[in-house]
């Protein structure tokens, strides 16, 4: 944190509830690699089992890079996240007689993602927020995985900071497919949510 510590560990929360009196920044970087994982998400995710032999576990290497940052000042807060995942060295090298196993490999989540959010505390208890998120598969996986995108605006009221709050948002979602394999695309689908959180 190049400009000092956040008040009340504010780098762990999205909004600037403490109205930082000087600019505060937190930056993070993570690199992980799972060798011969048998799950679609590395340590987590569904087990990968051959479509042709339920006793054969499939495996692959997964490399993940994550970069994020938070900026807060005087009630303003900005959050940015970047994510890149690559999957390679699948345990099956010849898919000519095993097309269903190839499909397991091609549908493992891999690509890039960004999440950008800006918010403003308009009072000591009320916050407005805007968010943009995109998940984009790598080019060679695009025929098998959707490009996902969300644009949203929201409002939060904090009764007791993050221990008791109510939040809501309205968003427009895109699910874009680039092939006949992806037969349920949509654009600008409206969605909304209201939630109450207690005890965080």
N, C-alpha and C. Protein backbone atom coordinates (compact mmCIF):
# COMPACT_ATOMS: atom_id res chain seq x y z
N UNK A 1 0.84 -1.19 0.00
CA UNK A 1 0.00 0.00 0.00
C UNK A 1 0.88 1.24 0.00
N UNK A 2 1.13 1.82 -1.15
CA UNK A 2 2.14 2.87 -1.27
C UNK A 2 1.79 4.18 -0.57
N UNK A 3 0.53 4.43 -0.26
CA UNK A 3 0.15 5.70 0.37
C UNK A 3 -0.35 5.50 1.80
N UNK A 4 0.04 4.39 2.41
CA UNK A 4 -0.33 4.15 3.80
C UNK A 4 -1.51 3.20 3.93
N UNK A 5 -1.82 2.87 5.18
CA UNK A 5 -2.88 1.92 5.46
C UNK A 5 -4.26 2.58 5.35
N UNK A 6 -5.23 1.75 4.96
CA UNK A 6 -6.62 2.19 4.93
C UNK A 6 -7.18 2.22 6.35
N UNK A 7 -8.16 3.06 6.58
CA UNK A 7 -8.84 3.07 7.87
C UNK A 7 -9.65 1.78 8.02
N UNK A 8 -9.61 1.21 9.22
CA UNK A 8 -10.45 0.05 9.55
C UNK A 8 -10.36 -1.07 8.52
N UNK A 9 -9.14 -1.30 7.99
CA UNK A 9 -8.91 -2.35 7.00
C UNK A 9 -9.82 -2.20 5.78
N UNK A 10 -9.98 -0.97 5.35
CA UNK A 10 -10.88 -0.67 4.25
C UNK A 10 -10.47 -1.24 2.91
N UNK A 11 -9.23 -1.74 2.80
CA UNK A 11 -8.83 -2.37 1.54
C UNK A 11 -9.49 -3.73 1.34
N UNK A 12 -10.18 -4.24 2.37
CA UNK A 12 -10.90 -5.51 2.23
C UNK A 12 -12.35 -5.31 1.82
N UNK A 13 -12.80 -4.06 1.72
CA UNK A 13 -14.18 -3.77 1.35
C UNK A 13 -14.20 -2.85 0.14
N UNK A 14 -15.33 -2.85 -0.58
CA UNK A 14 -15.39 -2.13 -1.85
C UNK A 14 -15.64 -0.64 -1.67
N UNK A 15 -16.59 -0.24 -0.85
CA UNK A 15 -16.95 1.18 -0.73
C UNK A 15 -16.05 1.91 0.26
N UNK A 16 -15.98 3.24 0.12
CA UNK A 16 -15.19 4.06 1.04
C UNK A 16 -16.08 4.58 2.16
N UNK A 17 -16.47 3.68 3.07
CA UNK A 17 -17.35 4.05 4.16
C UNK A 17 -16.68 4.96 5.18
N UNK A 18 -15.35 4.96 5.20
CA UNK A 18 -14.62 5.77 6.18
C UNK A 18 -14.17 7.12 5.63
N UNK A 19 -14.53 7.42 4.38
CA UNK A 19 -14.18 8.72 3.78
C UNK A 19 -12.70 9.03 4.00
N UNK A 20 -11.86 8.24 3.34
CA UNK A 20 -10.41 8.43 3.47
C UNK A 20 -10.03 9.89 3.22
N UNK A 21 -9.24 10.46 4.14
CA UNK A 21 -8.89 11.87 4.05
C UNK A 21 -7.75 12.13 3.08
N UNK A 22 -6.97 11.10 2.80
CA UNK A 22 -5.91 11.19 1.78
C UNK A 22 -6.06 9.98 0.85
N UNK A 23 -5.60 10.08 -0.39
CA UNK A 23 -5.75 8.95 -1.32
C UNK A 23 -5.08 7.69 -0.79
N UNK A 24 -5.77 6.56 -0.92
CA UNK A 24 -5.22 5.28 -0.50
C UNK A 24 -5.31 4.29 -1.67
N UNK A 25 -4.25 3.48 -1.82
CA UNK A 25 -4.19 2.52 -2.93
C UNK A 25 -3.70 1.18 -2.39
N UNK A 26 -4.32 0.12 -2.87
CA UNK A 26 -3.86 -1.24 -2.57
C UNK A 26 -3.74 -2.00 -3.88
N UNK A 27 -2.60 -2.69 -4.08
CA UNK A 27 -2.35 -3.43 -5.31
C UNK A 27 -2.02 -4.88 -4.96
N UNK A 28 -2.47 -5.79 -5.81
CA UNK A 28 -2.21 -7.20 -5.55
C UNK A 28 -1.91 -7.96 -6.83
N UNK A 29 -1.13 -9.03 -6.70
CA UNK A 29 -0.77 -9.88 -7.84
C UNK A 29 -0.69 -11.32 -7.36
N UNK A 30 -1.27 -12.24 -8.12
CA UNK A 30 -1.23 -13.66 -7.78
C UNK A 30 -0.93 -14.48 -9.03
N UNK A 31 -0.05 -15.46 -8.87
CA UNK A 31 0.25 -16.40 -9.94
C UNK A 31 0.15 -17.81 -9.36
N UNK A 32 -0.62 -18.66 -10.02
CA UNK A 32 -0.71 -20.05 -9.57
C UNK A 32 -0.63 -20.98 -10.78
N UNK A 33 -0.15 -22.19 -10.54
CA UNK A 33 -0.18 -23.22 -11.57
C UNK A 33 -0.48 -24.56 -10.93
N UNK A 34 -1.48 -25.21 -11.46
CA UNK A 34 -1.85 -26.55 -11.02
C UNK A 34 -1.35 -27.55 -12.06
N UNK A 35 -0.53 -28.48 -11.62
CA UNK A 35 0.00 -29.50 -12.52
C UNK A 35 -0.85 -30.76 -12.41
N UNK A 36 -1.28 -31.23 -13.57
CA UNK A 36 -2.04 -32.49 -13.66
C UNK A 36 -3.25 -32.51 -12.73
N UNK A 37 -3.97 -31.37 -12.68
CA UNK A 37 -5.19 -31.34 -11.89
C UNK A 37 -6.27 -32.19 -12.55
N UNK A 38 -7.09 -32.80 -11.74
CA UNK A 38 -8.18 -33.63 -12.26
C UNK A 38 -9.54 -32.95 -12.06
N UNK A 39 -9.51 -31.65 -11.74
CA UNK A 39 -10.74 -30.87 -11.59
C UNK A 39 -10.71 -29.68 -12.55
N UNK A 40 -11.90 -29.27 -12.99
CA UNK A 40 -11.98 -28.22 -14.01
C UNK A 40 -11.49 -26.87 -13.52
N UNK A 41 -11.45 -26.64 -12.21
CA UNK A 41 -11.01 -25.35 -11.68
C UNK A 41 -9.71 -25.40 -10.93
N UNK A 42 -8.95 -26.47 -11.07
CA UNK A 42 -7.70 -26.58 -10.31
C UNK A 42 -7.96 -27.39 -9.05
N UNK A 43 -7.94 -26.70 -7.87
CA UNK A 43 -8.28 -27.40 -6.62
C UNK A 43 -9.78 -27.63 -6.52
N UNK A 44 -10.57 -26.75 -7.18
CA UNK A 44 -12.02 -26.83 -7.12
C UNK A 44 -12.57 -27.20 -8.49
N UNK A 45 -13.89 -27.24 -8.58
CA UNK A 45 -14.52 -27.56 -9.86
C UNK A 45 -14.93 -29.02 -9.94
N UNK A 46 -15.55 -29.36 -11.06
CA UNK A 46 -16.03 -30.72 -11.25
C UNK A 46 -14.88 -31.67 -11.56
N UNK A 47 -14.94 -32.90 -11.04
CA UNK A 47 -13.94 -33.91 -11.43
C UNK A 47 -14.04 -34.20 -12.93
N UNK A 48 -12.89 -34.39 -13.57
CA UNK A 48 -12.87 -34.69 -14.99
C UNK A 48 -12.72 -36.21 -15.17
N UNK A 49 -13.77 -36.82 -15.66
CA UNK A 49 -13.80 -38.27 -15.86
C UNK A 49 -14.05 -38.55 -17.33
N UNK A 50 -13.32 -39.48 -17.88
CA UNK A 50 -13.46 -39.82 -19.29
C UNK A 50 -14.90 -40.23 -19.61
N UNK A 51 -15.39 -39.75 -20.75
CA UNK A 51 -16.73 -40.14 -21.20
C UNK A 51 -16.78 -41.59 -21.64
N UNK A 52 -15.62 -42.22 -21.78
CA UNK A 52 -15.55 -43.58 -22.29
C UNK A 52 -15.18 -44.61 -21.24
N UNK A 53 -14.69 -44.14 -20.09
CA UNK A 53 -14.31 -45.05 -19.02
C UNK A 53 -14.43 -44.29 -17.71
N UNK A 54 -15.46 -44.60 -16.92
CA UNK A 54 -15.72 -43.85 -15.69
C UNK A 54 -14.62 -44.03 -14.65
N UNK A 55 -13.75 -44.97 -14.83
CA UNK A 55 -12.63 -45.15 -13.90
C UNK A 55 -11.39 -44.37 -14.31
N UNK A 56 -11.42 -43.73 -15.49
CA UNK A 56 -10.26 -42.97 -15.96
C UNK A 56 -10.43 -41.48 -15.66
N UNK A 57 -9.55 -40.97 -14.82
CA UNK A 57 -9.56 -39.54 -14.52
C UNK A 57 -8.70 -38.79 -15.54
N UNK A 58 -9.26 -37.74 -16.10
CA UNK A 58 -8.51 -36.90 -17.02
C UNK A 58 -7.79 -35.81 -16.23
N UNK A 59 -6.72 -35.26 -16.82
CA UNK A 59 -5.96 -34.23 -16.12
C UNK A 59 -5.45 -33.19 -17.10
N UNK A 60 -5.08 -32.03 -16.57
CA UNK A 60 -4.53 -30.94 -17.37
C UNK A 60 -3.75 -30.01 -16.45
N UNK A 61 -2.93 -29.14 -17.04
CA UNK A 61 -2.25 -28.08 -16.30
C UNK A 61 -3.08 -26.79 -16.43
N UNK A 62 -3.21 -26.06 -15.33
CA UNK A 62 -3.94 -24.79 -15.33
C UNK A 62 -3.03 -23.71 -14.76
N UNK A 63 -2.82 -22.64 -15.55
CA UNK A 63 -2.03 -21.48 -15.10
C UNK A 63 -2.96 -20.28 -14.95
N UNK A 64 -2.89 -19.62 -13.80
CA UNK A 64 -3.78 -18.51 -13.52
C UNK A 64 -2.98 -17.29 -13.06
N UNK A 65 -3.30 -16.13 -13.64
CA UNK A 65 -2.72 -14.85 -13.22
C UNK A 65 -3.86 -13.93 -12.80
N UNK A 66 -3.72 -13.29 -11.64
CA UNK A 66 -4.72 -12.33 -11.16
C UNK A 66 -4.02 -11.05 -10.70
N UNK A 67 -4.54 -9.92 -11.15
CA UNK A 67 -4.04 -8.61 -10.74
C UNK A 67 -5.23 -7.78 -10.30
N UNK A 68 -5.12 -7.12 -9.14
CA UNK A 68 -6.23 -6.27 -8.71
C UNK A 68 -5.71 -5.03 -8.00
N UNK A 69 -6.59 -4.04 -7.90
CA UNK A 69 -6.23 -2.80 -7.24
C UNK A 69 -7.46 -2.10 -6.70
N UNK A 70 -7.28 -1.35 -5.61
CA UNK A 70 -8.35 -0.58 -4.99
C UNK A 70 -7.83 0.84 -4.73
N UNK A 71 -8.66 1.82 -5.06
CA UNK A 71 -8.34 3.23 -4.77
C UNK A 71 -9.52 3.83 -4.01
N UNK A 72 -9.22 4.56 -2.93
CA UNK A 72 -10.29 5.22 -2.15
C UNK A 72 -9.84 6.62 -1.73
N UNK A 73 -10.81 7.52 -1.80
CA UNK A 73 -10.53 8.89 -1.35
C UNK A 73 -11.84 9.65 -1.20
N UNK A 74 -12.07 10.18 0.00
CA UNK A 74 -13.16 11.11 0.27
C UNK A 74 -14.53 10.58 -0.20
N UNK A 75 -14.79 9.31 0.05
CA UNK A 75 -16.08 8.74 -0.31
C UNK A 75 -16.12 8.07 -1.67
N UNK A 76 -15.10 8.30 -2.49
CA UNK A 76 -15.01 7.65 -3.80
C UNK A 76 -14.21 6.35 -3.65
N UNK A 77 -14.60 5.35 -4.42
CA UNK A 77 -13.87 4.09 -4.41
C UNK A 77 -13.88 3.50 -5.82
N UNK A 78 -12.71 3.00 -6.24
CA UNK A 78 -12.59 2.37 -7.55
C UNK A 78 -11.87 1.03 -7.38
N UNK A 79 -12.43 0.01 -8.02
CA UNK A 79 -11.89 -1.33 -7.94
C UNK A 79 -11.65 -1.86 -9.35
N UNK A 80 -10.49 -2.46 -9.57
CA UNK A 80 -10.20 -3.07 -10.85
C UNK A 80 -9.57 -4.43 -10.66
N UNK A 81 -10.01 -5.41 -11.47
CA UNK A 81 -9.47 -6.77 -11.40
C UNK A 81 -9.25 -7.30 -12.81
N UNK A 82 -8.13 -8.01 -12.99
CA UNK A 82 -7.82 -8.65 -14.26
C UNK A 82 -7.44 -10.10 -13.97
N UNK A 83 -7.92 -10.99 -14.85
CA UNK A 83 -7.77 -12.42 -14.61
C UNK A 83 -7.42 -13.09 -15.93
N UNK A 84 -6.44 -13.98 -15.91
CA UNK A 84 -6.06 -14.70 -17.13
C UNK A 84 -5.79 -16.16 -16.75
N UNK A 85 -6.49 -17.07 -17.43
CA UNK A 85 -6.30 -18.50 -17.16
C UNK A 85 -5.98 -19.23 -18.46
N UNK A 86 -4.99 -20.11 -18.40
CA UNK A 86 -4.60 -20.93 -19.55
C UNK A 86 -4.64 -22.40 -19.14
N UNK A 87 -5.17 -23.23 -20.02
CA UNK A 87 -5.22 -24.68 -19.79
C UNK A 87 -4.44 -25.38 -20.89
N UNK A 88 -3.53 -26.28 -20.52
CA UNK A 88 -2.78 -27.02 -21.54
C UNK A 88 -2.37 -28.39 -20.98
N UNK A 89 -1.59 -29.12 -21.78
CA UNK A 89 -1.08 -30.45 -21.41
C UNK A 89 -2.20 -31.38 -20.93
N UNK A 90 -3.27 -31.43 -21.71
CA UNK A 90 -4.36 -32.34 -21.39
C UNK A 90 -3.85 -33.78 -21.49
N UNK A 91 -4.36 -34.65 -20.62
CA UNK A 91 -3.83 -36.01 -20.53
C UNK A 91 -4.13 -36.84 -21.78
N UNK A 92 -5.17 -36.46 -22.54
CA UNK A 92 -5.47 -37.16 -23.79
C UNK A 92 -4.84 -36.37 -24.93
N UNK A 93 -3.98 -36.99 -25.69
CA UNK A 93 -3.30 -36.30 -26.80
C UNK A 93 -3.89 -36.62 -28.16
N UNK A 94 -4.59 -37.74 -28.26
CA UNK A 94 -5.20 -38.15 -29.53
C UNK A 94 -6.71 -38.23 -29.35
N UNK A 95 -7.41 -37.21 -29.88
CA UNK A 95 -8.86 -37.14 -29.71
C UNK A 95 -9.62 -37.78 -30.87
N UNK A 96 -8.93 -38.37 -31.81
CA UNK A 96 -9.60 -38.87 -33.02
C UNK A 96 -10.68 -39.90 -32.69
N UNK A 97 -10.44 -40.70 -31.69
CA UNK A 97 -11.43 -41.71 -31.30
C UNK A 97 -12.14 -41.36 -29.99
N UNK A 98 -11.85 -40.14 -29.46
CA UNK A 98 -12.42 -39.74 -28.17
C UNK A 98 -12.93 -38.30 -28.24
N UNK A 99 -13.85 -37.99 -29.13
CA UNK A 99 -14.32 -36.60 -29.30
C UNK A 99 -15.00 -36.04 -28.05
N UNK A 100 -15.68 -36.87 -27.26
CA UNK A 100 -16.35 -36.37 -26.06
C UNK A 100 -15.34 -35.94 -25.00
N UNK A 101 -14.19 -36.61 -24.92
CA UNK A 101 -13.15 -36.17 -23.99
C UNK A 101 -12.54 -34.85 -24.45
N UNK A 102 -12.44 -34.66 -25.74
CA UNK A 102 -11.97 -33.37 -26.27
C UNK A 102 -12.91 -32.25 -25.86
N UNK A 103 -14.21 -32.52 -25.84
CA UNK A 103 -15.18 -31.50 -25.47
C UNK A 103 -15.02 -31.09 -24.01
N UNK A 104 -14.65 -32.04 -23.15
CA UNK A 104 -14.38 -31.71 -21.75
C UNK A 104 -13.25 -30.70 -21.66
N UNK A 105 -12.19 -30.92 -22.42
CA UNK A 105 -11.05 -30.02 -22.43
C UNK A 105 -11.43 -28.64 -22.97
N UNK A 106 -12.21 -28.61 -24.04
CA UNK A 106 -12.56 -27.34 -24.69
C UNK A 106 -13.54 -26.51 -23.88
N UNK A 107 -14.25 -27.12 -22.96
CA UNK A 107 -15.21 -26.37 -22.15
C UNK A 107 -14.68 -26.04 -20.76
N UNK A 108 -13.43 -26.37 -20.46
CA UNK A 108 -12.83 -25.92 -19.21
C UNK A 108 -12.67 -24.41 -19.24
N UNK A 109 -13.07 -23.69 -18.20
CA UNK A 109 -12.98 -22.22 -18.22
C UNK A 109 -11.54 -21.75 -18.42
N UNK A 110 -11.32 -21.01 -19.50
CA UNK A 110 -9.99 -20.46 -19.78
C UNK A 110 -10.15 -19.22 -20.65
N UNK A 111 -9.40 -18.18 -20.31
CA UNK A 111 -9.51 -16.93 -21.07
C UNK A 111 -9.12 -15.77 -20.18
N UNK A 112 -9.68 -14.60 -20.48
CA UNK A 112 -9.39 -13.40 -19.69
C UNK A 112 -10.68 -12.82 -19.14
N UNK A 113 -10.56 -12.09 -18.05
CA UNK A 113 -11.71 -11.44 -17.46
C UNK A 113 -11.28 -10.12 -16.83
N UNK A 114 -12.19 -9.14 -16.87
CA UNK A 114 -11.97 -7.88 -16.18
C UNK A 114 -13.21 -7.53 -15.38
N UNK A 115 -12.99 -6.87 -14.27
CA UNK A 115 -14.08 -6.37 -13.44
C UNK A 115 -13.71 -4.96 -13.00
N UNK A 116 -14.54 -3.99 -13.37
CA UNK A 116 -14.29 -2.59 -13.03
C UNK A 116 -15.49 -2.05 -12.26
N UNK A 117 -15.22 -1.36 -11.17
CA UNK A 117 -16.32 -0.83 -10.36
C UNK A 117 -15.94 0.53 -9.80
N UNK A 118 -16.89 1.45 -9.83
CA UNK A 118 -16.72 2.75 -9.21
C UNK A 118 -17.91 3.04 -8.32
N UNK A 119 -17.66 3.66 -7.16
CA UNK A 119 -18.75 3.95 -6.24
C UNK A 119 -18.51 5.28 -5.54
N UNK A 120 -19.62 5.85 -5.04
CA UNK A 120 -19.55 7.13 -4.31
C UNK A 120 -20.49 7.06 -3.13
N UNK A 121 -19.96 7.35 -1.95
CA UNK A 121 -20.80 7.49 -0.77
C UNK A 121 -21.47 8.86 -0.83
N UNK A 122 -22.78 8.89 -0.99
CA UNK A 122 -23.50 10.17 -1.10
C UNK A 122 -23.92 10.67 0.28
N UNK A 123 -23.79 9.81 1.29
CA UNK A 123 -23.95 10.20 2.68
C UNK A 123 -23.15 9.20 3.49
N UNK A 124 -23.20 9.30 4.81
CA UNK A 124 -22.44 8.37 5.63
C UNK A 124 -22.99 6.94 5.58
N UNK A 125 -24.21 6.78 5.06
CA UNK A 125 -24.83 5.45 5.03
C UNK A 125 -25.32 5.02 3.65
N UNK A 126 -25.23 5.90 2.65
CA UNK A 126 -25.80 5.59 1.34
C UNK A 126 -24.73 5.66 0.25
N UNK A 127 -24.77 4.66 -0.66
CA UNK A 127 -23.75 4.53 -1.69
C UNK A 127 -24.40 4.20 -3.03
N UNK A 128 -23.91 4.82 -4.09
CA UNK A 128 -24.30 4.44 -5.44
C UNK A 128 -23.08 3.83 -6.13
N UNK A 129 -23.32 2.88 -7.05
CA UNK A 129 -22.21 2.13 -7.63
C UNK A 129 -22.51 1.80 -9.08
N UNK A 130 -21.47 1.72 -9.90
CA UNK A 130 -21.57 1.25 -11.29
C UNK A 130 -20.50 0.20 -11.51
N UNK A 131 -20.86 -0.83 -12.30
CA UNK A 131 -19.93 -1.97 -12.48
C UNK A 131 -19.98 -2.46 -13.92
N UNK A 132 -18.81 -2.85 -14.42
CA UNK A 132 -18.70 -3.49 -15.74
C UNK A 132 -17.83 -4.73 -15.59
N UNK A 133 -18.33 -5.86 -16.09
CA UNK A 133 -17.60 -7.12 -16.00
C UNK A 133 -17.65 -7.84 -17.34
N UNK A 134 -16.51 -8.41 -17.75
CA UNK A 134 -16.47 -9.19 -18.99
C UNK A 134 -15.60 -10.42 -18.79
N UNK A 135 -16.09 -11.56 -19.27
CA UNK A 135 -15.35 -12.81 -19.27
C UNK A 135 -15.25 -13.27 -20.72
N UNK A 136 -14.02 -13.36 -21.24
CA UNK A 136 -13.80 -13.65 -22.66
C UNK A 136 -12.94 -14.90 -22.79
N UNK A 137 -13.46 -15.95 -23.44
CA UNK A 137 -12.64 -17.16 -23.64
C UNK A 137 -11.51 -16.90 -24.63
N UNK A 138 -10.44 -17.69 -24.51
CA UNK A 138 -9.36 -17.60 -25.49
C UNK A 138 -9.91 -17.93 -26.88
N UNK A 139 -9.26 -17.40 -27.90
CA UNK A 139 -9.78 -17.51 -29.28
C UNK A 139 -10.05 -18.95 -29.69
N UNK A 140 -9.15 -19.86 -29.32
CA UNK A 140 -9.34 -21.25 -29.75
C UNK A 140 -10.49 -21.94 -29.01
N UNK A 141 -10.96 -21.33 -27.93
CA UNK A 141 -12.08 -21.90 -27.18
C UNK A 141 -13.39 -21.18 -27.47
N UNK A 142 -13.34 -20.06 -28.20
CA UNK A 142 -14.53 -19.25 -28.46
C UNK A 142 -15.69 -20.02 -29.09
N UNK A 143 -15.44 -21.00 -29.96
CA UNK A 143 -16.58 -21.75 -30.50
C UNK A 143 -17.31 -22.61 -29.46
N UNK A 144 -16.72 -22.77 -28.28
CA UNK A 144 -17.29 -23.68 -27.28
C UNK A 144 -17.66 -22.99 -25.97
N UNK A 145 -17.32 -21.71 -25.84
CA UNK A 145 -17.61 -21.00 -24.60
C UNK A 145 -18.16 -19.61 -24.92
N UNK A 146 -19.14 -19.18 -24.15
CA UNK A 146 -19.74 -17.87 -24.35
C UNK A 146 -18.81 -16.75 -23.87
N UNK A 147 -18.91 -15.60 -24.53
CA UNK A 147 -18.38 -14.35 -23.98
C UNK A 147 -19.48 -13.77 -23.10
N UNK A 148 -19.15 -13.49 -21.85
CA UNK A 148 -20.12 -12.99 -20.88
C UNK A 148 -19.80 -11.55 -20.52
N UNK A 149 -20.86 -10.74 -20.40
CA UNK A 149 -20.64 -9.32 -20.10
C UNK A 149 -21.82 -8.80 -19.27
N UNK A 150 -21.51 -7.97 -18.27
CA UNK A 150 -22.54 -7.37 -17.42
C UNK A 150 -22.25 -5.90 -17.21
N UNK A 151 -23.30 -5.08 -17.35
CA UNK A 151 -23.23 -3.65 -17.01
C UNK A 151 -24.30 -3.41 -15.96
N UNK A 152 -23.94 -2.81 -14.84
CA UNK A 152 -24.90 -2.70 -13.75
C UNK A 152 -24.73 -1.40 -12.98
N UNK A 153 -25.84 -0.94 -12.40
CA UNK A 153 -25.83 0.17 -11.45
C UNK A 153 -26.50 -0.32 -10.17
N UNK A 154 -26.06 0.20 -9.03
CA UNK A 154 -26.60 -0.31 -7.78
C UNK A 154 -26.64 0.75 -6.69
N UNK A 155 -27.26 0.37 -5.60
CA UNK A 155 -27.42 1.24 -4.43
C UNK A 155 -27.27 0.40 -3.17
N UNK A 156 -26.59 0.95 -2.17
CA UNK A 156 -26.43 0.27 -0.88
C UNK A 156 -26.78 1.23 0.25
N UNK A 157 -27.46 0.71 1.26
CA UNK A 157 -27.68 1.47 2.49
C UNK A 157 -27.07 0.67 3.64
N UNK A 158 -26.17 1.31 4.39
CA UNK A 158 -25.46 0.66 5.47
C UNK A 158 -26.07 1.09 6.81
N UNK A 159 -26.74 0.16 7.46
CA UNK A 159 -27.30 0.45 8.78
C UNK A 159 -26.20 0.46 9.84
N UNK A 160 -25.27 -0.51 9.71
CA UNK A 160 -24.13 -0.59 10.61
C UNK A 160 -22.92 -1.07 9.82
N UNK A 161 -22.45 -0.22 8.95
CA UNK A 161 -21.37 -0.54 8.02
C UNK A 161 -21.66 -1.89 7.34
N UNK A 162 -20.63 -2.76 7.22
CA UNK A 162 -20.86 -4.02 6.51
C UNK A 162 -21.50 -5.09 7.39
N UNK A 163 -21.74 -4.77 8.66
CA UNK A 163 -22.36 -5.76 9.54
C UNK A 163 -23.86 -5.88 9.28
N UNK A 164 -24.46 -4.84 8.75
CA UNK A 164 -25.91 -4.87 8.48
C UNK A 164 -26.19 -3.88 7.36
N UNK A 165 -26.55 -4.39 6.20
CA UNK A 165 -26.76 -3.53 5.05
C UNK A 165 -27.79 -4.13 4.11
N UNK A 166 -28.38 -3.28 3.29
CA UNK A 166 -29.28 -3.72 2.23
C UNK A 166 -28.75 -3.18 0.91
N UNK A 167 -28.77 -4.01 -0.12
CA UNK A 167 -28.21 -3.64 -1.41
C UNK A 167 -29.14 -4.07 -2.54
N UNK A 168 -29.07 -3.35 -3.63
CA UNK A 168 -29.82 -3.73 -4.81
C UNK A 168 -29.13 -3.24 -6.07
N UNK A 169 -29.40 -3.91 -7.19
CA UNK A 169 -28.82 -3.45 -8.45
C UNK A 169 -29.71 -3.84 -9.61
N UNK A 170 -29.54 -3.12 -10.73
CA UNK A 170 -30.14 -3.45 -12.01
C UNK A 170 -29.02 -3.58 -13.02
N UNK A 171 -29.08 -4.61 -13.85
CA UNK A 171 -28.01 -4.84 -14.81
C UNK A 171 -28.52 -5.32 -16.14
N UNK A 172 -27.66 -5.17 -17.15
CA UNK A 172 -27.91 -5.71 -18.48
C UNK A 172 -26.83 -6.74 -18.77
N UNK A 173 -27.24 -7.96 -19.09
CA UNK A 173 -26.31 -9.07 -19.31
C UNK A 173 -26.25 -9.45 -20.78
N UNK A 174 -25.05 -9.78 -21.23
CA UNK A 174 -24.84 -10.32 -22.58
C UNK A 174 -24.24 -11.72 -22.45
N UNK A 175 -24.69 -12.61 -23.31
CA UNK A 175 -24.08 -13.94 -23.44
C UNK A 175 -23.95 -14.20 -24.94
N UNK A 176 -22.73 -13.98 -25.44
CA UNK A 176 -22.50 -13.95 -26.88
C UNK A 176 -21.81 -15.23 -27.32
N UNK A 177 -22.40 -15.91 -28.29
CA UNK A 177 -21.83 -17.14 -28.83
C UNK A 177 -21.37 -16.95 -30.25
N UNK A 178 -20.27 -17.63 -30.60
CA UNK A 178 -19.68 -17.45 -31.93
C UNK A 178 -19.77 -18.70 -32.80
N UNK A 179 -20.67 -19.62 -32.46
CA UNK A 179 -20.77 -20.84 -33.26
C UNK A 179 -22.13 -21.47 -33.03
N UNK A 180 -22.44 -22.48 -33.84
CA UNK A 180 -23.69 -23.21 -33.68
C UNK A 180 -23.70 -24.05 -32.41
N UNK A 181 -22.52 -24.31 -31.84
CA UNK A 181 -22.45 -25.07 -30.60
C UNK A 181 -23.10 -24.28 -29.45
N UNK A 182 -23.07 -22.96 -29.56
CA UNK A 182 -23.60 -22.09 -28.51
C UNK A 182 -24.94 -21.54 -28.99
N UNK A 183 -26.00 -22.25 -28.69
CA UNK A 183 -27.29 -21.97 -29.32
C UNK A 183 -28.26 -21.20 -28.43
N UNK A 184 -27.77 -20.59 -27.34
CA UNK A 184 -28.66 -19.82 -26.48
C UNK A 184 -28.05 -18.48 -26.09
N UNK A 185 -27.63 -17.68 -27.08
CA UNK A 185 -27.06 -16.37 -26.76
C UNK A 185 -28.16 -15.34 -26.48
N UNK A 186 -27.78 -14.26 -25.83
CA UNK A 186 -28.70 -13.13 -25.67
C UNK A 186 -27.88 -11.87 -25.41
N UNK A 187 -28.51 -10.72 -25.61
CA UNK A 187 -27.87 -9.43 -25.36
C UNK A 187 -28.83 -8.53 -24.61
N UNK A 188 -28.27 -7.75 -23.68
CA UNK A 188 -29.02 -6.76 -22.90
C UNK A 188 -30.23 -7.37 -22.19
N UNK A 189 -30.04 -8.55 -21.61
CA UNK A 189 -31.09 -9.15 -20.80
C UNK A 189 -31.10 -8.46 -19.43
N UNK A 190 -32.26 -7.95 -19.04
CA UNK A 190 -32.37 -7.21 -17.80
C UNK A 190 -32.40 -8.16 -16.61
N UNK A 191 -31.65 -7.84 -15.58
CA UNK A 191 -31.72 -8.61 -14.34
C UNK A 191 -31.59 -7.66 -13.16
N UNK A 192 -32.04 -8.09 -12.03
CA UNK A 192 -31.98 -7.28 -10.83
C UNK A 192 -31.88 -8.14 -9.59
N UNK A 193 -31.49 -7.52 -8.48
CA UNK A 193 -31.33 -8.24 -7.23
C UNK A 193 -31.46 -7.29 -6.06
N UNK A 194 -32.06 -7.78 -4.99
CA UNK A 194 -32.07 -7.08 -3.71
C UNK A 194 -31.63 -8.07 -2.64
N UNK A 195 -30.69 -7.66 -1.79
CA UNK A 195 -30.22 -8.58 -0.74
C UNK A 195 -29.98 -7.82 0.56
N UNK A 196 -30.10 -8.55 1.65
CA UNK A 196 -29.79 -8.04 2.98
C UNK A 196 -28.67 -8.88 3.55
N UNK A 197 -27.65 -8.23 4.06
CA UNK A 197 -26.53 -8.93 4.67
C UNK A 197 -26.43 -8.57 6.13
N UNK A 198 -26.26 -9.59 6.96
CA UNK A 198 -26.16 -9.40 8.41
C UNK A 198 -24.97 -10.18 8.92
N UNK A 199 -24.13 -9.50 9.71
CA UNK A 199 -23.09 -10.19 10.46
C UNK A 199 -21.78 -10.39 9.75
N UNK A 200 -21.47 -9.64 8.67
CA UNK A 200 -20.18 -9.79 8.00
C UNK A 200 -19.11 -9.05 8.79
